[in-house]
Amino acid sequence: MKQPSSWRRLAALPLAVLLAASLLALPACGSASGGAGGDASASVATSGKAASGKVEKGKAYTFTDDLGRKVTVKSHKRVVACMGSFADAWLLAGGTLVGASDDAFGHYAVDSSKVSGVGRSTSLNLESIIALKPDFVIMTGIADGKHSTGVSQADMESALKEAGVPVAFFKVTTFDDYKRMMGVFCAITGRGDLYKKNVTKVGEKIKSAVRKYSVASESPSVLVVSAFSKGLVVQDSSGMAGAIVKDLGAVNVADEHPSLLSDFSLEAAVEANPDYVLVLAASDDTATAQKYYDQVVGSNSAWQGMDAVREGRVTMLDAAHFLYKPNANWAESYVLAGKALNK
């Protein structure tokens, strides 16, 4: 691997300390049972700030979601999750579902014989959701634009409120986000044991993976790209894979060359000459993602001449660990990325 510059080494030194602090700050899970449990409280972080949730005996659980809205859940017997990863997380917290978005069935093995589909996460069917008579709806607060076949999830809030259905919005990109959301879910279900199993222990595994695979002493440069049918899209450290790369001590070239984010440029990427290239499969079929990648850069001589390509430091990362949120398997994503950065 080509020797990283000295400033990159200096920039990476605090990472291990920062990561250890963030992973140790796991939220406590209250002993709530969604309106049937005893007095309990759980502290969760929302949008970088501390927010508290509280259970009133025999009544409800009230918390602040990731959009800063106060939400009160009086019952959680009929829950609809409008993202596959949220459906999986709710089940990991000991909850049950009556409805879920379509991706929950294919990507997270939610049982379609017991849970009704409510449409794609990007084009939900409001009538289907309301027809299930939910007592709690879980939605994403991340806006990914409007879709011709439906509306964004945030646009459905007023209709659900008019129907008397409490709805909470979560923004989950990193493990810390998942940890925060699971703190709320486990407080509602009263399953502190499942928080320990599916969050605390996962966090410990992540710390172990970072210790084993950290490249902070060398701080290599990394280009992270998603391979789509329309081309390559560069990711900075705000994305899931980018955040993992940063935690492992590497330098994401997109953080230093923001122009790469808006318009992928072969010339700019070649000029950056990263030590590693990580290709994210934006498809369940990694072979298809590989084809997309090859179509864009496979025959480009300048790209093939980059150190990372020439020396075999290009890795295709699978969709299960880097496109869809891995939830209880988040540590596996760190291991896979860590192995790729230690070639």
Protein backbone atom coordinates (compact mmCIF):
# COMPACT_ATOMS: atom_id res chain seq x y z
CA MET A 1 0.00 0.00 0.00
CA LYS A 2 1.28 3.47 -0.78
CA GLN A 3 2.45 5.37 2.29
CA PRO A 4 -0.25 7.76 3.61
CA SER A 5 0.78 11.35 4.14
CA SER A 6 1.71 12.54 7.64
CA TRP A 7 -1.32 14.81 8.04
CA ARG A 8 -3.59 11.81 7.53
CA ARG A 9 -1.81 10.00 10.33
CA LEU A 10 -2.38 12.94 12.68
CA ALA A 11 -6.03 13.30 11.69
CA ALA A 12 -6.77 9.69 12.56
CA LEU A 13 -5.23 9.53 16.04
CA PRO A 14 -8.32 10.54 18.12
CA LEU A 15 -10.65 8.08 16.37
CA ALA A 16 -10.15 5.17 18.73
CA VAL A 17 -10.88 7.37 21.74
CA LEU A 18 -13.98 8.89 20.16
CA LEU A 19 -15.35 5.53 19.06
CA ALA A 20 -14.82 3.94 22.45
CA ALA A 21 -16.70 6.80 24.10
CA SER A 22 -19.65 6.63 21.71
CA LEU A 23 -20.06 2.87 21.90
CA LEU A 24 -19.92 2.84 25.68
CA ALA A 25 -22.74 5.38 25.89
CA LEU A 26 -25.49 2.79 25.49
CA PRO A 27 -28.93 3.97 26.64
CA ALA A 28 -30.64 2.20 29.50
CA CYS A 29 -33.86 0.38 28.71
CA GLY A 30 -36.86 0.91 30.96
CA SER A 31 -39.08 -1.88 32.24
CA ALA A 32 -42.12 -0.68 30.36
CA SER A 33 -44.74 -2.84 28.74
CA GLY A 34 -46.55 -0.33 26.57
CA GLY A 35 -49.16 0.73 29.09
CA ALA A 36 -49.32 -2.37 31.24
CA GLY A 37 -46.00 -2.21 33.05
CA GLY A 38 -44.79 -0.56 36.23
CA ASP A 39 -43.13 2.80 36.66
CA ALA A 40 -39.96 3.09 34.59
CA SER A 41 -37.96 5.57 32.56
CA ALA A 42 -35.49 5.33 29.73
CA SER A 43 -33.05 7.91 28.48
CA VAL A 44 -32.51 8.15 24.74
CA ALA A 45 -30.57 10.56 22.55
CA THR A 46 -32.50 12.40 19.87
CA SER A 47 -30.84 14.47 17.16
CA GLY A 48 -27.70 14.67 19.25
CA LYS A 49 -29.54 15.80 22.39
CA ALA A 50 -30.66 13.87 25.43
CA ALA A 51 -34.39 13.22 25.58
CA SER A 52 -36.26 11.24 28.18
CA GLY A 53 -39.08 8.76 27.90
CA LYS A 54 -41.27 7.91 30.84
CA VAL A 55 -43.80 5.25 31.65
CA GLU A 56 -46.74 6.15 33.85
CA LYS A 57 -48.11 3.19 35.75
CA GLY A 58 -50.99 1.56 33.87
CA LYS A 59 -51.01 4.31 31.25
CA ALA A 60 -48.54 5.00 28.48
CA TYR A 61 -44.98 5.54 27.35
CA THR A 62 -44.08 9.04 26.14
CA PHE A 63 -40.86 9.89 24.30
CA THR A 64 -39.42 12.32 21.77
CA ASP A 65 -38.77 10.91 18.29
CA ASP A 66 -35.96 11.80 15.91
CA LEU A 67 -37.93 14.69 14.40
CA GLY A 68 -38.40 16.25 17.83
CA ARG A 69 -42.06 15.25 18.11
CA LYS A 70 -43.49 14.08 21.42
CA VAL A 71 -45.10 10.67 20.98
CA THR A 72 -47.28 8.78 23.45
CA VAL A 73 -47.79 5.05 22.96
CA LYS A 74 -50.68 3.69 25.03
CA SER A 75 -50.68 0.24 23.45
CA HIS A 76 -48.36 -1.69 21.14
CA LYS A 77 -50.46 -4.73 20.27
CA ARG A 78 -51.11 -3.62 16.67
CA VAL A 79 -47.94 -2.07 15.26
CA VAL A 80 -47.13 -1.17 11.66
CA ALA A 81 -43.48 -0.63 10.66
CA CYS A 82 -42.95 1.28 7.42
CA MET A 83 -39.32 0.28 6.85
CA GLY A 84 -38.03 -3.27 6.70
CA SER A 85 -35.19 -2.53 9.11
CA PHE A 86 -37.64 -0.96 11.57
CA ALA A 87 -39.88 -4.02 11.38
CA ASP A 88 -36.88 -6.22 12.16
CA ALA A 89 -35.74 -3.93 15.00
CA TRP A 90 -39.23 -3.91 16.54
CA LEU A 91 -39.27 -7.71 16.51
CA LEU A 92 -35.77 -7.77 18.02
CA ALA A 93 -37.16 -5.61 20.83
CA GLY A 94 -39.84 -8.19 21.56
CA GLY A 95 -42.69 -6.48 19.75
CA THR A 96 -45.24 -7.93 17.35
CA LEU A 97 -46.46 -6.60 14.00
CA VAL A 98 -49.74 -6.46 12.10
CA GLY A 99 -48.26 -4.61 9.10
CA ALA A 100 -44.93 -3.83 7.45
CA SER A 101 -43.51 -2.38 4.25
CA ASP A 102 -42.68 -4.83 1.49
CA ASP A 103 -38.92 -4.85 2.14
CA ALA A 104 -39.53 -6.44 5.54
CA PHE A 105 -40.57 -9.71 3.90
CA GLY A 106 -37.76 -10.12 1.40
CA HIS A 107 -34.83 -8.61 3.25
CA TYR A 108 -35.63 -9.32 6.89
CA ALA A 109 -37.65 -12.56 6.72
CA VAL A 110 -40.74 -11.12 8.41
CA ASP A 111 -43.51 -13.75 8.16
CA SER A 112 -45.96 -12.59 5.45
CA SER A 113 -48.52 -15.16 6.61
CA LYS A 114 -48.85 -13.28 9.90
CA VAL A 115 -48.04 -9.70 8.88
CA SER A 116 -49.84 -7.70 6.18
CA GLY A 117 -47.99 -5.70 3.56
CA VAL A 118 -48.63 -1.95 3.37
CA GLY A 119 -46.71 -1.17 0.18
CA ARG A 120 -43.16 -0.15 -0.58
CA SER A 121 -41.38 2.06 1.94
CA THR A 122 -41.22 4.74 -0.77
CA SER A 123 -44.87 4.41 -1.76
CA LEU A 124 -46.93 3.34 1.22
CA ASN A 125 -50.63 2.59 1.01
CA LEU A 126 -52.28 4.80 3.62
CA GLU A 127 -55.62 3.01 3.34
CA SER A 128 -53.96 -0.34 4.02
CA ILE A 129 -52.23 1.05 7.11
CA ILE A 130 -55.39 2.55 8.58
CA ALA A 131 -57.43 -0.57 7.74
CA LEU A 132 -55.17 -2.57 10.07
CA LYS A 133 -56.36 -0.37 12.97
CA PRO A 134 -52.84 0.16 14.33
CA ASP A 135 -52.19 1.51 17.79
CA PHE A 136 -48.64 2.57 16.84
CA VAL A 137 -46.95 3.28 13.48
CA ILE A 138 -43.16 3.46 13.02
CA MET A 139 -41.88 5.55 10.11
CA THR A 140 -38.61 6.91 8.77
CA GLY A 141 -37.77 10.57 9.27
CA ILE A 142 -35.14 10.48 6.51
CA ALA A 143 -36.44 12.29 3.45
CA ASP A 144 -35.40 10.68 0.18
CA GLY A 145 -37.55 12.75 -2.13
CA LYS A 146 -41.02 12.41 -3.59
CA HIS A 147 -42.04 9.42 -5.63
CA SER A 148 -44.46 9.36 -8.53
CA THR A 149 -46.22 6.30 -7.13
CA GLY A 150 -46.93 7.75 -3.70
CA VAL A 151 -45.93 10.23 -1.02
CA SER A 152 -43.02 10.47 1.39
CA GLN A 153 -43.60 8.98 4.82
CA ALA A 154 -43.56 12.35 6.59
CA ASP A 155 -46.50 13.46 4.42
CA MET A 156 -48.68 10.78 6.01
CA GLU A 157 -48.32 12.08 9.56
CA SER A 158 -51.36 14.38 9.51
CA ALA A 159 -53.65 11.69 8.08
CA LEU A 160 -52.57 9.18 10.72
CA LYS A 161 -53.02 11.74 13.49
CA GLU A 162 -56.51 12.50 12.22
CA ALA A 163 -57.22 8.77 12.46
CA GLY A 164 -56.01 8.86 16.06
CA VAL A 165 -52.92 6.76 15.41
CA PRO A 166 -49.65 7.69 17.19
CA VAL A 167 -46.72 7.76 14.76
CA ALA A 168 -43.01 8.04 15.52
CA PHE A 169 -40.24 8.96 13.09
CA PHE A 170 -36.70 7.62 13.37
CA LYS A 171 -33.54 8.46 11.42
CA VAL A 172 -31.26 5.44 11.35
CA THR A 173 -27.97 5.44 9.45
CA THR A 174 -25.31 4.45 11.96
CA PHE A 175 -25.09 1.96 14.82
CA ASP A 176 -25.56 4.84 17.28
CA ASP A 177 -28.87 5.63 15.56
CA TYR A 178 -29.96 2.00 15.83
CA LYS A 179 -28.90 1.97 19.48
CA ARG A 180 -30.99 5.07 20.20
CA MET A 181 -34.07 3.67 18.45
CA MET A 182 -33.77 0.31 20.20
CA GLY A 183 -33.62 2.14 23.53
CA VAL A 184 -37.10 3.47 22.79
CA PHE A 185 -38.44 0.17 21.44
CA CYS A 186 -37.20 -1.85 24.42
CA ALA A 187 -38.59 0.71 26.85
CA ILE A 188 -42.00 0.32 25.20
CA THR A 189 -41.90 -3.49 25.25
CA GLY A 190 -40.20 -3.74 28.62
CA ARG A 191 -37.54 -6.10 27.25
CA GLY A 192 -34.29 -4.89 28.73
CA ASP A 193 -32.92 -8.40 28.20
CA LEU A 194 -33.35 -8.01 24.44
CA TYR A 195 -31.65 -4.61 24.51
CA LYS A 196 -28.66 -6.27 26.15
CA LYS A 197 -28.67 -9.08 23.59
CA ASN A 198 -29.30 -7.07 20.41
CA VAL A 199 -27.59 -3.77 21.25
CA THR A 200 -25.17 -3.90 24.18
CA LYS A 201 -23.49 -7.13 23.09
CA VAL A 202 -23.43 -5.95 19.47
CA GLY A 203 -21.69 -2.77 20.60
CA GLU A 204 -19.09 -4.85 22.43
CA LYS A 205 -18.47 -6.88 19.27
CA ILE A 206 -18.06 -3.67 17.28
CA LYS A 207 -15.45 -2.39 19.71
CA SER A 208 -13.63 -5.69 19.40
CA ALA A 209 -13.72 -5.48 15.59
CA VAL A 210 -12.38 -1.92 15.66
CA ARG A 211 -9.52 -2.96 17.93
CA LYS A 212 -8.65 -5.85 15.63
CA TYR A 213 -9.00 -4.14 12.27
CA SER A 214 -8.20 -0.49 13.03
CA VAL A 215 -6.05 1.22 10.40
CA ALA A 216 -5.78 4.47 12.34
CA SER A 217 -2.01 4.19 12.60
CA GLU A 218 -1.75 4.35 8.81
CA SER A 219 -4.95 6.31 8.03
CA PRO A 220 -5.26 5.08 4.43
CA SER A 221 -7.49 6.96 2.01
CA VAL A 222 -10.68 5.23 0.88
CA LEU A 223 -13.17 5.84 -1.92
CA VAL A 224 -16.63 4.45 -1.11
CA VAL A 225 -19.00 4.11 -4.08
CA SER A 226 -22.42 2.54 -4.60
CA ALA A 227 -22.88 0.70 -7.90
CA PHE A 228 -26.26 1.39 -9.53
CA SER A 229 -27.64 0.72 -13.00
CA LYS A 230 -27.18 4.42 -13.78
CA GLY A 231 -23.59 4.59 -12.62
CA LEU A 232 -21.54 5.07 -9.46
CA VAL A 233 -22.50 7.26 -6.51
CA VAL A 234 -19.85 8.34 -4.02
CA GLN A 235 -20.53 8.20 -0.27
CA ASP A 236 -18.98 10.35 2.42
CA SER A 237 -18.79 9.57 6.14
CA SER A 238 -22.43 10.50 6.74
CA GLY A 239 -23.55 7.20 5.16
CA MET A 240 -23.51 3.84 6.93
CA ALA A 241 -20.46 2.43 5.13
CA GLY A 242 -18.66 5.76 5.31
CA ALA A 243 -19.23 5.96 9.06
CA ILE A 244 -17.83 2.45 9.52
CA VAL A 245 -14.76 3.31 7.42
CA LYS A 246 -14.19 6.40 9.55
CA ASP A 247 -14.57 4.45 12.80
CA LEU A 248 -11.92 2.03 11.56
CA GLY A 249 -9.49 4.92 11.13
CA ALA A 250 -9.45 5.44 7.38
CA VAL A 251 -9.84 8.75 5.55
CA ASN A 252 -12.80 9.01 3.18
CA VAL A 253 -11.70 10.97 0.10
CA ALA A 254 -15.25 12.28 -0.38
CA ASP A 255 -14.98 14.14 2.93
CA GLU A 256 -12.12 16.11 1.43
CA HIS A 257 -13.50 16.32 -2.10
CA PRO A 258 -17.24 17.08 -1.65
CA SER A 259 -17.68 17.66 -5.39
CA LEU A 260 -17.47 13.88 -5.85
CA LEU A 261 -20.79 13.55 -4.02
CA SER A 262 -22.88 15.50 -6.51
CA ASP A 263 -21.34 14.22 -9.71
CA PHE A 264 -19.08 11.18 -9.92
CA SER A 265 -15.98 12.11 -11.83
CA LEU A 266 -13.51 9.50 -12.99
CA GLU A 267 -10.87 12.17 -13.30
CA ALA A 268 -11.34 13.42 -9.74
CA ALA A 269 -11.36 9.91 -8.34
CA VAL A 270 -8.21 8.99 -10.23
CA GLU A 271 -6.52 12.19 -9.08
CA ALA A 272 -7.38 11.37 -5.46
CA ASN A 273 -5.73 7.97 -6.03
CA PRO A 274 -7.22 6.30 -2.92
CA ASP A 275 -5.44 3.48 -1.15
CA TYR A 276 -8.67 1.44 -1.16
CA VAL A 277 -11.91 1.36 -3.13
CA LEU A 278 -15.02 -0.09 -1.49
CA VAL A 279 -17.92 -0.79 -3.84
CA LEU A 280 -21.35 -1.10 -2.24
CA ALA A 281 -23.78 -3.42 -3.97
CA ALA A 282 -26.97 -1.41 -4.47
CA SER A 283 -28.66 -4.67 -5.39
CA ASP A 284 -29.25 -8.00 -3.66
CA ASP A 285 -27.25 -9.59 -6.45
CA THR A 286 -23.58 -8.70 -6.06
CA ALA A 287 -22.90 -10.03 -9.56
CA THR A 288 -25.25 -7.40 -10.96
CA ALA A 289 -23.54 -4.71 -8.89
CA GLN A 290 -20.19 -5.89 -10.20
CA LYS A 291 -21.53 -5.56 -13.74
CA TYR A 292 -22.62 -1.97 -13.06
CA TYR A 293 -19.19 -1.17 -11.65
CA ASP A 294 -17.41 -2.73 -14.63
CA GLN A 295 -19.60 -0.81 -17.08
CA VAL A 296 -18.43 2.50 -15.63
CA VAL A 297 -14.76 1.92 -14.88
CA GLY A 298 -13.82 -1.55 -16.14
CA SER A 299 -12.34 -0.39 -19.41
CA ASN A 300 -10.98 2.95 -18.23
CA SER A 301 -7.19 2.83 -18.37
CA ALA A 302 -6.71 5.66 -15.88
CA TRP A 303 -8.94 3.92 -13.33
CA GLN A 304 -7.17 0.62 -13.88
CA GLY A 305 -3.89 2.40 -13.25
CA MET A 306 -4.84 3.57 -9.76
CA ASP A 307 -2.81 1.96 -6.98
CA ALA A 308 -5.88 0.44 -5.29
CA VAL A 309 -7.07 -1.18 -8.51
CA ARG A 310 -3.68 -2.27 -9.76
CA GLU A 311 -2.72 -3.80 -6.40
CA GLY A 312 -6.06 -5.56 -5.78
CA ARG A 313 -7.47 -3.35 -3.03
CA VAL A 314 -10.98 -3.04 -4.48
CA THR A 315 -13.69 -4.87 -2.51
CA MET A 316 -17.36 -5.41 -3.31
CA LEU A 317 -19.44 -5.14 -0.11
CA ASP A 318 -22.76 -6.99 -0.01
CA ALA A 319 -26.18 -5.34 0.30
CA ALA A 320 -27.22 -7.29 3.40
CA HIS A 321 -24.49 -5.64 5.48
CA PHE A 322 -24.09 -2.25 3.79
CA LEU A 323 -27.29 -1.33 1.94
CA TYR A 324 -29.93 -2.59 4.35
CA LYS A 325 -29.44 -1.81 8.01
CA PRO A 326 -27.85 -4.89 9.63
CA ASN A 327 -29.37 -4.26 13.08
CA ALA A 328 -28.28 -7.14 15.37
CA ASN A 329 -25.61 -8.05 12.78
CA TRP A 330 -23.99 -4.60 12.70
CA ALA A 331 -20.70 -5.93 14.07
CA GLU A 332 -20.41 -8.19 11.02
CA SER A 333 -20.40 -5.09 8.81
CA TYR A 334 -17.43 -3.72 10.77
CA VAL A 335 -15.59 -7.02 10.38
CA LEU A 336 -16.18 -7.14 6.61
CA ALA A 337 -15.08 -3.53 6.14
CA GLY A 338 -12.12 -4.09 8.45
CA LYS A 339 -10.92 -7.09 6.46
CA ALA A 340 -11.23 -5.06 3.23
CA LEU A 341 -9.04 -2.30 4.71
CA ASN A 342 -6.38 -4.74 5.84
CA LYS A 343 -5.60 -6.25 2.46
